[in-house]
PDB file of N, CA and C in Angstrom:
ATOM      1  N   MET A   1       2.831  -0.134  27.448  1.00  0.00           N
ATOM      2  CA  MET A   1       4.062   0.054  26.683  1.00  0.00           C
ATOM      3  C   MET A   1       4.315   1.562  26.583  1.00  0.00           C
ATOM      4  N   THR A   2       5.508   1.977  26.949  1.00  0.00           N
ATOM      5  CA  THR A   2       5.845   3.395  26.909  1.00  0.00           C
ATOM      6  C   THR A   2       6.155   3.843  25.489  1.00  0.00           C
ATOM      7  N   GLY A   3       6.228   5.161  25.317  1.00  0.00           N
ATOM      8  CA  GLY A   3       6.554   5.703  23.996  1.00  0.00           C
ATOM      9  C   GLY A   3       7.905   5.221  23.506  1.00  0.00           C
ATOM     10  N   ILE A   4       8.886   5.156  24.413  1.00  0.00           N
ATOM     11  CA  ILE A   4      10.226   4.715  24.008  1.00  0.00           C
ATOM     12  C   ILE A   4      10.204   3.237  23.635  1.00  0.00           C
ATOM     13  N   ASP A   5       9.380   2.448  24.321  1.00  0.00           N
ATOM     14  CA  ASP A   5       9.259   1.030  23.976  1.00  0.00           C
ATOM     15  C   ASP A   5       8.642   0.855  22.591  1.00  0.00           C
ATOM     16  N   LYS A   6       7.636   1.682  22.312  1.00  0.00           N
ATOM     17  CA  LYS A   6       6.999   1.625  20.989  1.00  0.00           C
ATOM     18  C   LYS A   6       7.978   2.040  19.901  1.00  0.00           C
ATOM     19  N   LEU A   7       8.767   3.064  20.194  1.00  0.00           N
ATOM     20  CA  LEU A   7       9.755   3.530  19.230  1.00  0.00           C
ATOM     21  C   LEU A   7      10.809   2.446  18.972  1.00  0.00           C
ATOM     22  N   ALA A   8      11.280   1.818  20.035  1.00  0.00           N
ATOM     23  CA  ALA A   8      12.264   0.747  19.892  1.00  0.00           C
ATOM     24  C   ALA A   8      11.682  -0.408  19.082  1.00  0.00           C
ATOM     25  N   GLU A   9      10.461  -0.795  19.399  1.00  0.00           N
ATOM     26  CA  GLU A   9       9.823  -1.899  18.681  1.00  0.00           C
ATOM     27  C   GLU A   9       9.656  -1.565  17.203  1.00  0.00           C
ATOM     28  N   ARG A  10       9.259  -0.337  16.907  1.00  0.00           N
ATOM     29  CA  ARG A  10       9.083   0.074  15.511  1.00  0.00           C
ATOM     30  C   ARG A  10      10.396  -0.002  14.740  1.00  0.00           C
ATOM     31  N   HIS A  11      11.474   0.431  15.373  1.00  0.00           N
ATOM     32  CA  HIS A  11      12.766   0.385  14.697  1.00  0.00           C
ATOM     33  C   HIS A  11      13.267  -1.047  14.520  1.00  0.00           C
ATOM     34  N   ILE A  12      13.034  -1.887  15.493  1.00  0.00           N
ATOM     35  CA  ILE A  12      13.436  -3.291  15.357  1.00  0.00           C
ATOM     36  C   ILE A  12      12.656  -3.949  14.221  1.00  0.00           C
ATOM     37  N   ILE A  13      11.370  -3.682  14.136  1.00  0.00           N
ATOM     38  CA  ILE A  13      10.558  -4.230  13.041  1.00  0.00           C
ATOM     39  C   ILE A  13      11.074  -3.728  11.697  1.00  0.00           C
ATOM     40  N   GLU A  14      11.420  -2.462  11.640  1.00  0.00           N
ATOM     41  CA  GLU A  14      11.966  -1.894  10.407  1.00  0.00           C
ATOM     42  C   GLU A  14      13.279  -2.584  10.031  1.00  0.00           C
ATOM     43  N   HIS A  15      14.149  -2.804  11.010  1.00  0.00           N
ATOM     44  CA  HIS A  15      15.426  -3.471  10.754  1.00  0.00           C
ATOM     45  C   HIS A  15      15.197  -4.902  10.278  1.00  0.00           C
ATOM     46  N   GLU A  16      14.236  -5.588  10.888  1.00  0.00           N
ATOM     47  CA  GLU A  16      13.939  -6.955  10.474  1.00  0.00           C
ATOM     48  C   GLU A  16      13.391  -6.987   9.045  1.00  0.00           C
ATOM     49  N   SER A  17      12.639  -5.977   8.672  1.00  0.00           N
ATOM     50  CA  SER A  17      12.129  -5.881   7.312  1.00  0.00           C
ATOM     51  C   SER A  17      13.277  -5.735   6.311  1.00  0.00           C
ATOM     52  N   HIS A  18      14.251  -4.907   6.657  1.00  0.00           N
ATOM     53  CA  HIS A  18      15.415  -4.751   5.787  1.00  0.00           C
ATOM     54  C   HIS A  18      16.195  -6.063   5.685  1.00  0.00           C
ATOM     55  N   LEU A  19      16.309  -6.764   6.794  1.00  0.00           N
ATOM     56  CA  LEU A  19      17.019  -8.043   6.788  1.00  0.00           C
ATOM     57  C   LEU A  19      16.292  -9.054   5.900  1.00  0.00           C
ATOM     58  N   LYS A  20      14.972  -9.029   5.926  1.00  0.00           N
ATOM     59  CA  LYS A  20      14.187  -9.922   5.066  1.00  0.00           C
ATOM     60  C   LYS A  20      14.459  -9.620   3.594  1.00  0.00           C
ATOM     61  N   ARG A  21      14.560  -8.333   3.246  1.00  0.00           N
ATOM     62  CA  ARG A  21      14.851  -7.949   1.857  1.00  0.00           C
ATOM     63  C   ARG A  21      16.225  -8.456   1.444  1.00  0.00           C
ATOM     64  N   ILE A  22      17.193  -8.335   2.349  1.00  0.00           N
ATOM     65  CA  ILE A  22      18.539  -8.844   2.067  1.00  0.00           C
ATOM     66  C   ILE A  22      18.480 -10.352   1.841  1.00  0.00           C
ATOM     67  N   ASP A  23      17.699 -11.053   2.657  1.00  0.00           N
ATOM     68  CA  ASP A  23      17.559 -12.504   2.490  1.00  0.00           C
ATOM     69  C   ASP A  23      16.972 -12.843   1.117  1.00  0.00           C
ATOM     70  N   GLU A  24      15.982 -12.063   0.684  1.00  0.00           N
ATOM     71  CA  GLU A  24      15.375 -12.297  -0.628  1.00  0.00           C
ATOM     72  C   GLU A  24      16.398 -12.081  -1.746  1.00  0.00           C
ATOM     73  N   LEU A  25      17.185 -11.017  -1.632  1.00  0.00           N
ATOM     74  CA  LEU A  25      18.204 -10.740  -2.644  1.00  0.00           C
ATOM     75  C   LEU A  25      19.294 -11.809  -2.633  1.00  0.00           C
ATOM     76  N   LEU A  26      19.683 -12.266  -1.444  1.00  0.00           N
ATOM     77  CA  LEU A  26      20.688 -13.327  -1.359  1.00  0.00           C
ATOM     78  C   LEU A  26      20.188 -14.611  -2.015  1.00  0.00           C
ATOM     79  N   ALA A  27      18.936 -14.947  -1.769  1.00  0.00           N
ATOM     80  CA  ALA A  27      18.365 -16.162  -2.375  1.00  0.00           C
ATOM     81  C   ALA A  27      18.395 -16.045  -3.900  1.00  0.00           C
ATOM     82  N   ARG A  28      18.057 -14.872  -4.397  1.00  0.00           N
ATOM     83  CA  ARG A  28      18.093 -14.632  -5.844  1.00  0.00           C
ATOM     84  C   ARG A  28      19.513 -14.762  -6.382  1.00  0.00           C
ATOM     85  N   GLY A  29      20.470 -14.200  -5.654  1.00  0.00           N
ATOM     86  CA  GLY A  29      21.867 -14.292  -6.070  1.00  0.00           C
ATOM     87  C   GLY A  29      22.380 -15.719  -6.066  1.00  0.00           C
ATOM     88  N   LYS A  30      22.004 -16.480  -5.053  1.00  0.00           N
ATOM     89  CA  LYS A  30      22.433 -17.881  -4.981  1.00  0.00           C
ATOM     90  C   LYS A  30      21.845 -18.687  -6.135  1.00  0.00           C
ATOM     91  N   LYS A  31      20.601 -18.368  -6.501  1.00  0.00           N
ATOM     92  CA  LYS A  31      19.978 -19.056  -7.631  1.00  0.00           C
ATOM     93  C   LYS A  31      20.735 -18.743  -8.918  1.00  0.00           C
ATOM     94  N   LEU A  32      21.084 -17.463  -9.104  1.00  0.00           N
ATOM     95  CA  LEU A  32      21.866 -17.076 -10.285  1.00  0.00           C
ATOM     96  C   LEU A  32      23.220 -17.769 -10.296  1.00  0.00           C
ATOM     97  N   ALA A  33      23.873 -17.822  -9.145  1.00  0.00           N
ATOM     98  CA  ALA A  33      25.190 -18.445  -9.055  1.00  0.00           C
ATOM     99  C   ALA A  33      25.112 -19.923  -9.417  1.00  0.00           C
ATOM    100  N   ALA A  34      24.039 -20.580  -9.010  1.00  0.00           N
ATOM    101  CA  ALA A  34      23.870 -21.996  -9.322  1.00  0.00           C
ATOM    102  C   ALA A  34      23.648 -22.221 -10.819  1.00  0.00           C
ATOM    103  N   GLU A  35      23.066 -21.240 -11.493  1.00  0.00           N
ATOM    104  CA  GLU A  35      22.767 -21.364 -12.922  1.00  0.00           C
ATOM    105  C   GLU A  35      23.949 -20.999 -13.811  1.00  0.00           C
ATOM    106  N   GLU A  36      24.863 -20.218 -13.295  1.00  0.00           N
ATOM    107  CA  GLU A  36      25.979 -19.721 -14.091  1.00  0.00           C
ATOM    108  C   GLU A  36      27.151 -20.707 -14.079  1.00  0.00           C
ATOM    109  N   ALA A  37      27.749 -20.910 -15.242  1.00  0.00           N
ATOM    110  CA  ALA A  37      28.909 -21.787 -15.343  1.00  0.00           C
ATOM    111  C   ALA A  37      30.127 -21.133 -14.687  1.00  0.00           C
ATOM    112  N   GLU A  38      30.283 -19.834 -14.872  1.00  0.00           N
ATOM    113  CA  GLU A  38      31.414 -19.108 -14.313  1.00  0.00           C
ATOM    114  C   GLU A  38      30.947 -18.297 -13.101  1.00  0.00           C
ATOM    115  N   CYS A  39      30.650 -18.994 -12.008  1.00  0.00           N
ATOM    116  CA  CYS A  39      30.057 -18.307 -10.868  1.00  0.00           C
ATOM    117  C   CYS A  39      31.004 -18.195  -9.685  1.00  0.00           C
ATOM    118  N   ASP A  40      32.293 -18.467  -9.837  1.00  0.00           N
ATOM    119  CA  ASP A  40      33.210 -18.387  -8.709  1.00  0.00           C
ATOM    120  C   ASP A  40      33.217 -17.006  -8.079  1.00  0.00           C
ATOM    121  N   GLN A  41      33.339 -15.986  -8.898  1.00  0.00           N
ATOM    122  CA  GLN A  41      33.381 -14.614  -8.372  1.00  0.00           C
ATOM    123  C   GLN A  41      32.073 -14.261  -7.676  1.00  0.00           C
ATOM    124  N   LEU A  42      30.952 -14.585  -8.295  1.00  0.00           N
ATOM    125  CA  LEU A  42      29.655 -14.311  -7.697  1.00  0.00           C
ATOM    126  C   LEU A  42      29.510 -15.068  -6.384  1.00  0.00           C
ATOM    127  N   GLY A  43      29.923 -16.311  -6.365  1.00  0.00           N
ATOM    128  CA  GLY A  43      29.842 -17.115  -5.152  1.00  0.00           C
ATOM    129  C   GLY A  43      30.647 -16.515  -4.010  1.00  0.00           C
ATOM    130  N   MET A  44      31.844 -16.012  -4.328  1.00  0.00           N
ATOM    131  CA  MET A  44      32.684 -15.387  -3.304  1.00  0.00           C
ATOM    132  C   MET A  44      32.032 -14.106  -2.784  1.00  0.00           C
ATOM    133  N   GLU A  45      31.483 -13.318  -3.689  1.00  0.00           N
ATOM    134  CA  GLU A  45      30.826 -12.076  -3.266  1.00  0.00           C
ATOM    135  C   GLU A  45      29.593 -12.377  -2.408  1.00  0.00           C
ATOM    136  N   LEU A  46      28.833 -13.380  -2.815  1.00  0.00           N
ATOM    137  CA  LEU A  46      27.646 -13.747  -2.039  1.00  0.00           C
ATOM    138  C   LEU A  46      28.038 -14.251  -0.648  1.00  0.00           C
ATOM    139  N   LYS A  47      29.147 -14.961  -0.546  1.00  0.00           N
ATOM    140  CA  LYS A  47      29.616 -15.435   0.758  1.00  0.00           C
ATOM    141  C   LYS A  47      29.956 -14.252   1.657  1.00  0.00           C
ATOM    142  N   GLU A  48      30.654 -13.255   1.107  1.00  0.00           N
ATOM    143  CA  GLU A  48      30.991 -12.062   1.891  1.00  0.00           C
ATOM    144  C   GLU A  48      29.718 -11.331   2.330  1.00  0.00           C
ATOM    145  N   ILE A  49      28.763 -11.238   1.424  1.00  0.00           N
ATOM    146  CA  ILE A  49      27.507 -10.555   1.749  1.00  0.00           C
ATOM    147  C   ILE A  49      26.742 -11.347   2.805  1.00  0.00           C
ATOM    148  N   GLN A  50      26.762 -12.676   2.702  1.00  0.00           N
ATOM    149  CA  GLN A  50      26.099 -13.523   3.700  1.00  0.00           C
ATOM    150  C   GLN A  50      26.715 -13.291   5.079  1.00  0.00           C
ATOM    151  N   ASP A  51      28.033 -13.152   5.128  1.00  0.00           N
ATOM    152  CA  ASP A  51      28.707 -12.871   6.403  1.00  0.00           C
ATOM    153  C   ASP A  51      28.254 -11.532   6.977  1.00  0.00           C
ATOM    154  N   ASP A  52      28.133 -10.519   6.110  1.00  0.00           N
ATOM    155  CA  ASP A  52      27.645  -9.209   6.552  1.00  0.00           C
ATOM    156  C   ASP A  52      26.201  -9.309   7.047  1.00  0.00           C
ATOM    157  N   ARG A  53      25.416 -10.109   6.366  1.00  0.00           N
ATOM    158  CA  ARG A  53      24.024 -10.312   6.760  1.00  0.00           C
ATOM    159  C   ARG A  53      23.943 -10.916   8.161  1.00  0.00           C
ATOM    160  N   GLU A  54      24.819 -11.862   8.444  1.00  0.00           N
ATOM    161  CA  GLU A  54      24.834 -12.487   9.774  1.00  0.00           C
ATOM    162  C   GLU A  54      25.166 -11.462  10.852  1.00  0.00           C
ATOM    163  N   LYS A  55      26.084 -10.549  10.554  1.00  0.00           N
ATOM    164  CA  LYS A  55      26.416  -9.486  11.510  1.00  0.00           C
ATOM    165  C   LYS A  55      25.199  -8.610  11.777  1.00  0.00           C
ATOM    166  N   LEU A  56      24.441  -8.322  10.735  1.00  0.00           N
ATOM    167  CA  LEU A  56      23.237  -7.523  10.894  1.00  0.00           C
ATOM    168  C   LEU A  56      22.207  -8.247  11.756  1.00  0.00           C
ATOM    169  N   SER A  57      22.062  -9.525  11.535  1.00  0.00           N
ATOM    170  CA  SER A  57      21.121 -10.314  12.320  1.00  0.00           C
ATOM    171  C   SER A  57      21.516 -10.312  13.793  1.00  0.00           C
ATOM    172  N   GLU A  58      22.799 -10.461  14.064  1.00  0.00           N
ATOM    173  CA  GLU A  58      23.281 -10.412  15.449  1.00  0.00           C
ATOM    174  C   GLU A  58      22.998  -9.045  16.063  1.00  0.00           C
ATOM    175  N   HIS A  59      23.163  -7.986  15.274  1.00  0.00           N
ATOM    176  CA  HIS A  59      22.899  -6.645  15.761  1.00  0.00           C
ATOM    177  C   HIS A  59      21.426  -6.488  16.157  1.00  0.00           C
ATOM    178  N   ILE A  60      20.535  -7.037  15.350  1.00  0.00           N
ATOM    179  CA  ILE A  60      19.107  -6.968  15.667  1.00  0.00           C
ATOM    180  C   ILE A  60      18.835  -7.672  16.992  1.00  0.00           C
ATOM    181  N   GLN A  61      19.454  -8.828  17.198  1.00  0.00           N
ATOM    182  CA  GLN A  61      19.249  -9.551  18.454  1.00  0.00           C
ATOM    183  C   GLN A  61      19.722  -8.725  19.642  1.00  0.00           C
ATOM    184  N   GLU A  62      20.839  -8.021  19.470  1.00  0.00           N
ATOM    185  CA  GLU A  62      21.337  -7.148  20.533  1.00  0.00           C
ATOM    186  C   GLU A  62      20.365  -6.002  20.793  1.00  0.00           C
ATOM    187  N   LEU A  63      19.805  -5.434  19.724  1.00  0.00           N
ATOM    188  CA  LEU A  63      18.841  -4.346  19.885  1.00  0.00           C
ATOM    189  C   LEU A  63      17.603  -4.812  20.635  1.00  0.00           C
ATOM    190  N   LYS A  64      17.168  -6.026  20.383  1.00  0.00           N
ATOM    191  CA  LYS A  64      15.987  -6.563  21.064  1.00  0.00           C
ATOM    192  C   LYS A  64      16.211  -6.673  22.569  1.00  0.00           C
ATOM    193  N   LYS A  65      17.451  -6.905  22.964  1.00  0.00           N
ATOM    194  CA  LYS A  65      17.775  -7.073  24.379  1.00  0.00           C
ATOM    195  C   LYS A  65      18.142  -5.757  25.064  1.00  0.00           C
ATOM    196  N   ALA A  66      18.270  -4.689  24.298  1.00  0.00           N
ATOM    197  CA  ALA A  66      18.718  -3.409  24.844  1.00  0.00           C
ATOM    198  C   ALA A  66      17.696  -2.840  25.830  1.00  0.00           C
ATOM    199  N   PRO A  67      18.177  -2.287  26.934  1.00  0.00           N
ATOM    200  CA  PRO A  67      17.268  -1.675  27.914  1.00  0.00           C
ATOM    201  C   PRO A  67      16.722  -0.343  27.398  1.00  0.00           C
ATOM    202  N   ALA A  68      15.685   0.135  28.036  1.00  0.00           N
ATOM    203  CA  ALA A  68      15.044   1.390  27.624  1.00  0.00           C
ATOM    204  C   ALA A  68      16.035   2.544  27.653  1.00  0.00           C
ATOM    205  N   GLU A  69      16.992   2.528  28.561  1.00  0.00           N
ATOM    206  CA  GLU A  69      17.981   3.602  28.649  1.00  0.00           C
ATOM    207  C   GLU A  69      18.780   3.715  27.351  1.00  0.00           C
ATOM    208  N   TYR A  70      19.066   2.575  26.743  1.00  0.00           N
ATOM    209  CA  TYR A  70      19.803   2.580  25.476  1.00  0.00           C
ATOM    210  C   TYR A  70      19.013   3.352  24.420  1.00  0.00           C
ATOM    211  N   TRP A  71      17.732   3.055  24.345  1.00  0.00           N
ATOM    212  CA  TRP A  71      16.892   3.676  23.322  1.00  0.00           C
ATOM    213  C   TRP A  71      16.683   5.163  23.607  1.00  0.00           C
ATOM    214  N   GLN A  72      16.671   5.528  24.864  1.00  0.00           N
ATOM    215  CA  GLN A  72      16.513   6.939  25.210  1.00  0.00           C
ATOM    216  C   GLN A  72      17.723   7.742  24.776  1.00  0.00           C
ATOM    217  N   LYS A  73      18.905   7.160  24.848  1.00  0.00           N
ATOM    218  CA  LYS A  73      20.145   7.850  24.499  1.00  0.00           C
ATOM    219  C   LYS A  73      20.437   7.815  23.006  1.00  0.00           C
ATOM    220  N   ARG A  74      19.905   6.838  22.353  1.00  0.00           N
ATOM    221  CA  ARG A  74      20.233   6.620  20.937  1.00  0.00           C
ATOM    222  C   ARG A  74      19.545   7.633  20.032  1.00  0.00           C
ATOM    223  N   SER A  75      20.263   8.114  19.053  1.00  0.00           N
ATOM    224  CA  SER A  75      19.680   9.028  18.077  1.00  0.00           C
ATOM    225  C   SER A  75      19.362   8.226  16.824  1.00  0.00           C
ATOM    226  N   PHE A  76      18.079   8.105  16.507  1.00  0.00           N
ATOM    227  CA  PHE A  76      17.664   7.288  15.375  1.00  0.00           C
ATOM    228  C   PHE A  76      17.928   7.973  14.035  1.00  0.00           C
ATOM    229  N   GLU A  77      18.217   9.274  14.080  1.00  0.00           N
ATOM    230  CA  GLU A  77      18.474   9.978  12.834  1.00  0.00           C
ATOM    231  C   GLU A  77      19.854   9.680  12.267  1.00  0.00           C
ATOM    232  N   LYS A  78      20.764   9.180  13.096  1.00  0.00           N
ATOM    233  CA  LYS A  78      22.113   8.867  12.609  1.00  0.00           C
ATOM    234  C   LYS A  78      22.058   7.607  11.751  1.00  0.00           C
ATOM    235  N   ALA A  79      23.044   7.443  10.909  1.00  0.00           N
ATOM    236  CA  ALA A  79      23.066   6.318   9.968  1.00  0.00           C
ATOM    237  C   ALA A  79      23.009   4.977  10.678  1.00  0.00           C
ATOM    238  N   GLY A  80      23.902   4.718  11.615  1.00  0.00           N
ATOM    239  CA  GLY A  80      23.911   3.463  12.360  1.00  0.00           C
ATOM    240  C   GLY A  80      23.745   2.260  11.461  1.00  0.00           C
ATOM    241  N   PRO A  81      22.939   1.300  11.894  1.00  0.00           N
ATOM    242  CA  PRO A  81      22.748   0.080  11.114  1.00  0.00           C
ATOM    243  C   PRO A  81      22.077   0.327   9.762  1.00  0.00           C
ATOM    244  N   MET A  82      21.298   1.392   9.657  1.00  0.00           N
ATOM    245  CA  MET A  82      20.644   1.669   8.382  1.00  0.00           C
ATOM    246  C   MET A  82      21.676   1.930   7.288  1.00  0.00           C
ATOM    247  N   GLY A  83      22.748   2.609   7.643  1.00  0.00           N
ATOM    248  CA  GLY A  83      23.809   2.843   6.669  1.00  0.00           C
ATOM    249  C   GLY A  83      24.414   1.536   6.200  1.00  0.00           C
ATOM    250  N   VAL A  84      24.582   0.599   7.140  1.00  0.00           N
ATOM    251  CA  VAL A  84      25.131  -0.714   6.795  1.00  0.00           C
ATOM    252  C   VAL A  84      24.147  -1.463   5.907  1.00  0.00           C
ATOM    253  N   TRP A  85      22.859  -1.451   6.272  1.00  0.00           N
ATOM    254  CA  TRP A  85      21.865  -2.150   5.456  1.00  0.00           C
ATOM    255  C   TRP A  85      21.814  -1.578   4.045  1.00  0.00           C
ATOM    256  N   ASP A  86      21.845  -0.274   3.952  1.00  0.00           N
ATOM    257  CA  ASP A  86      21.826   0.339   2.634  1.00  0.00           C
ATOM    258  C   ASP A  86      23.021  -0.103   1.798  1.00  0.00           C
ATOM    259  N   ALA A  87      24.201  -0.145   2.422  1.00  0.00           N
ATOM    260  CA  ALA A  87      25.411  -0.540   1.698  1.00  0.00           C
ATOM    261  C   ALA A  87      25.329  -2.001   1.258  1.00  0.00           C
ATOM    262  N   VAL A  88      24.858  -2.874   2.151  1.00  0.00           N
ATOM    263  CA  VAL A  88      24.749  -4.302   1.811  1.00  0.00           C
ATOM    264  C   VAL A  88      23.719  -4.502   0.708  1.00  0.00           C
ATOM    265  N   ALA A  89      22.572  -3.849   0.829  1.00  0.00           N
ATOM    266  CA  ALA A  89      21.526  -3.991  -0.194  1.00  0.00           C
ATOM    267  C   ALA A  89      21.994  -3.444  -1.535  1.00  0.00           C
ATOM    268  N   GLN A  90      22.681  -2.298  -1.506  1.00  0.00           N
ATOM    269  CA  GLN A  90      23.196  -1.707  -2.751  1.00  0.00           C
ATOM    270  C   GLN A  90      24.172  -2.665  -3.420  1.00  0.00           C
ATOM    271  N   ARG A  91      25.062  -3.252  -2.625  1.00  0.00           N
ATOM    272  CA  ARG A  91      26.056  -4.191  -3.174  1.00  0.00           C
ATOM    273  C   ARG A  91      25.366  -5.398  -3.787  1.00  0.00           C
ATOM    274  N   LEU A  92      24.361  -5.930  -3.084  1.00  0.00           N
ATOM    275  CA  LEU A  92      23.621  -7.073  -3.612  1.00  0.00           C
ATOM    276  C   LEU A  92      22.934  -6.718  -4.923  1.00  0.00           C
ATOM    277  N   GLU A  93      22.297  -5.572  -4.970  1.00  0.00           N
ATOM    278  CA  GLU A  93      21.595  -5.171  -6.186  1.00  0.00           C
ATOM    279  C   GLU A  93      22.571  -5.004  -7.349  1.00  0.00           C
ATOM    280  N   GLU A  94      23.754  -4.447  -7.088  1.00  0.00           N
ATOM    281  CA  GLU A  94      24.753  -4.285  -8.144  1.00  0.00           C
ATOM    282  C   GLU A  94      25.215  -5.645  -8.670  1.00  0.00           C
ATOM    283  N   VAL A  95      25.467  -6.582  -7.752  1.00  0.00           N
ATOM    284  CA  VAL A  95      25.906  -7.918  -8.164  1.00  0.00           C
ATOM    285  C   VAL A  95      24.819  -8.585  -8.999  1.00  0.00           C
ATOM    286  N   LEU A  96      23.577  -8.482  -8.529  1.00  0.00           N
ATOM    287  CA  LEU A  96      22.476  -9.131  -9.245  1.00  0.00           C
ATOM    288  C   LEU A  96      22.215  -8.466 -10.595  1.00  0.00           C
ATOM    289  N   GLU A  97      22.336  -7.151 -10.652  1.00  0.00           N
ATOM    290  CA  GLU A  97      22.150  -6.460 -11.927  1.00  0.00           C
ATOM    291  C   GLU A  97      23.222  -6.864 -12.927  1.00  0.00           C
ATOM    292  N   SER A  98      24.451  -7.036 -12.453  1.00  0.00           N
ATOM    293  CA  SER A  98      25.525  -7.428 -13.365  1.00  0.00           C
ATOM    294  C   SER A  98      25.288  -8.832 -13.907  1.00  0.00           C
ATOM    295  N   MET A  99      24.602  -9.662 -13.147  1.00  0.00           N
ATOM    296  CA  MET A  99      24.302 -11.016 -13.585  1.00  0.00           C
ATOM    297  C   MET A  99      22.959 -11.089 -14.299  1.00  0.00           C
ATOM    298  N   GLY A 100      22.128 -10.075 -14.133  1.00  0.00           N
ATOM    299  CA  GLY A 100      20.762 -10.089 -14.660  1.00  0.00           C
ATOM    300  C   GLY A 100      20.683 -10.328 -16.150  1.00  0.00           C
ATOM    301  N   GLY A 101      21.614  -9.777 -16.905  1.00  0.00           N
ATOM    302  CA  GLY A 101      21.592  -9.960 -18.352  1.00  0.00           C
ATOM    303  C   GLY A 101      21.938 -11.365 -18.774  1.00  0.00           C
ATOM    304  N   LYS A 102      22.558 -12.116 -17.861  1.00  0.00           N
ATOM    305  CA  LYS A 102      22.982 -13.477 -18.185  1.00  0.00           C
ATOM    306  C   LYS A 102      21.957 -14.512 -17.763  1.00  0.00           C
ATOM    307  N   SER A 103      21.033 -14.108 -16.881  1.00  0.00           N
ATOM    308  CA  SER A 103      20.053 -15.061 -16.348  1.00  0.00           C
ATOM    309  C   SER A 103      18.798 -15.089 -17.207  1.00  0.00           C
ATOM    310  N   LYS A 104      18.270 -16.281 -17.412  1.00  0.00           N
ATOM    311  CA  LYS A 104      17.044 -16.438 -18.202  1.00  0.00           C
ATOM    312  C   LYS A 104      15.839 -16.714 -17.317  1.00  0.00           C
ATOM    313  N   SER A 105      16.077 -16.983 -16.018  1.00  0.00           N
ATOM    314  CA  SER A 105      14.974 -17.445 -15.174  1.00  0.00           C
ATOM    315  C   SER A 105      14.445 -16.395 -14.200  1.00  0.00           C
ATOM    316  N   GLU A 106      14.816 -15.150 -14.333  1.00  0.00           N
ATOM    317  CA  GLU A 106      14.305 -14.140 -13.393  1.00  0.00           C
ATOM    318  C   GLU A 106      12.872 -13.808 -13.663  1.00  0.00           C
TER     319      GLU A 106
END
């Protein structure tokens, strides 16, 4: 395995780890939504976030198929998907925090 292959694999693993965290937060949000009587707004927000999560998952699949030339040209220091993951995770945390005071089962 070349250095670029190792670098690509490390970044894909990192991206998958972030996706797992998003999945955990989504599961928590869905549980809160199920417990809340007035959960229409939360449900709509979670649906939008779930759609964003699916886009991220598709992106990871594309990265897995990318040739070594792609990774050689790519600058990992740029925001790229990490910026998107940060935004999605931040949004999820804000939604969950706003509901946190109302939930008794966390």
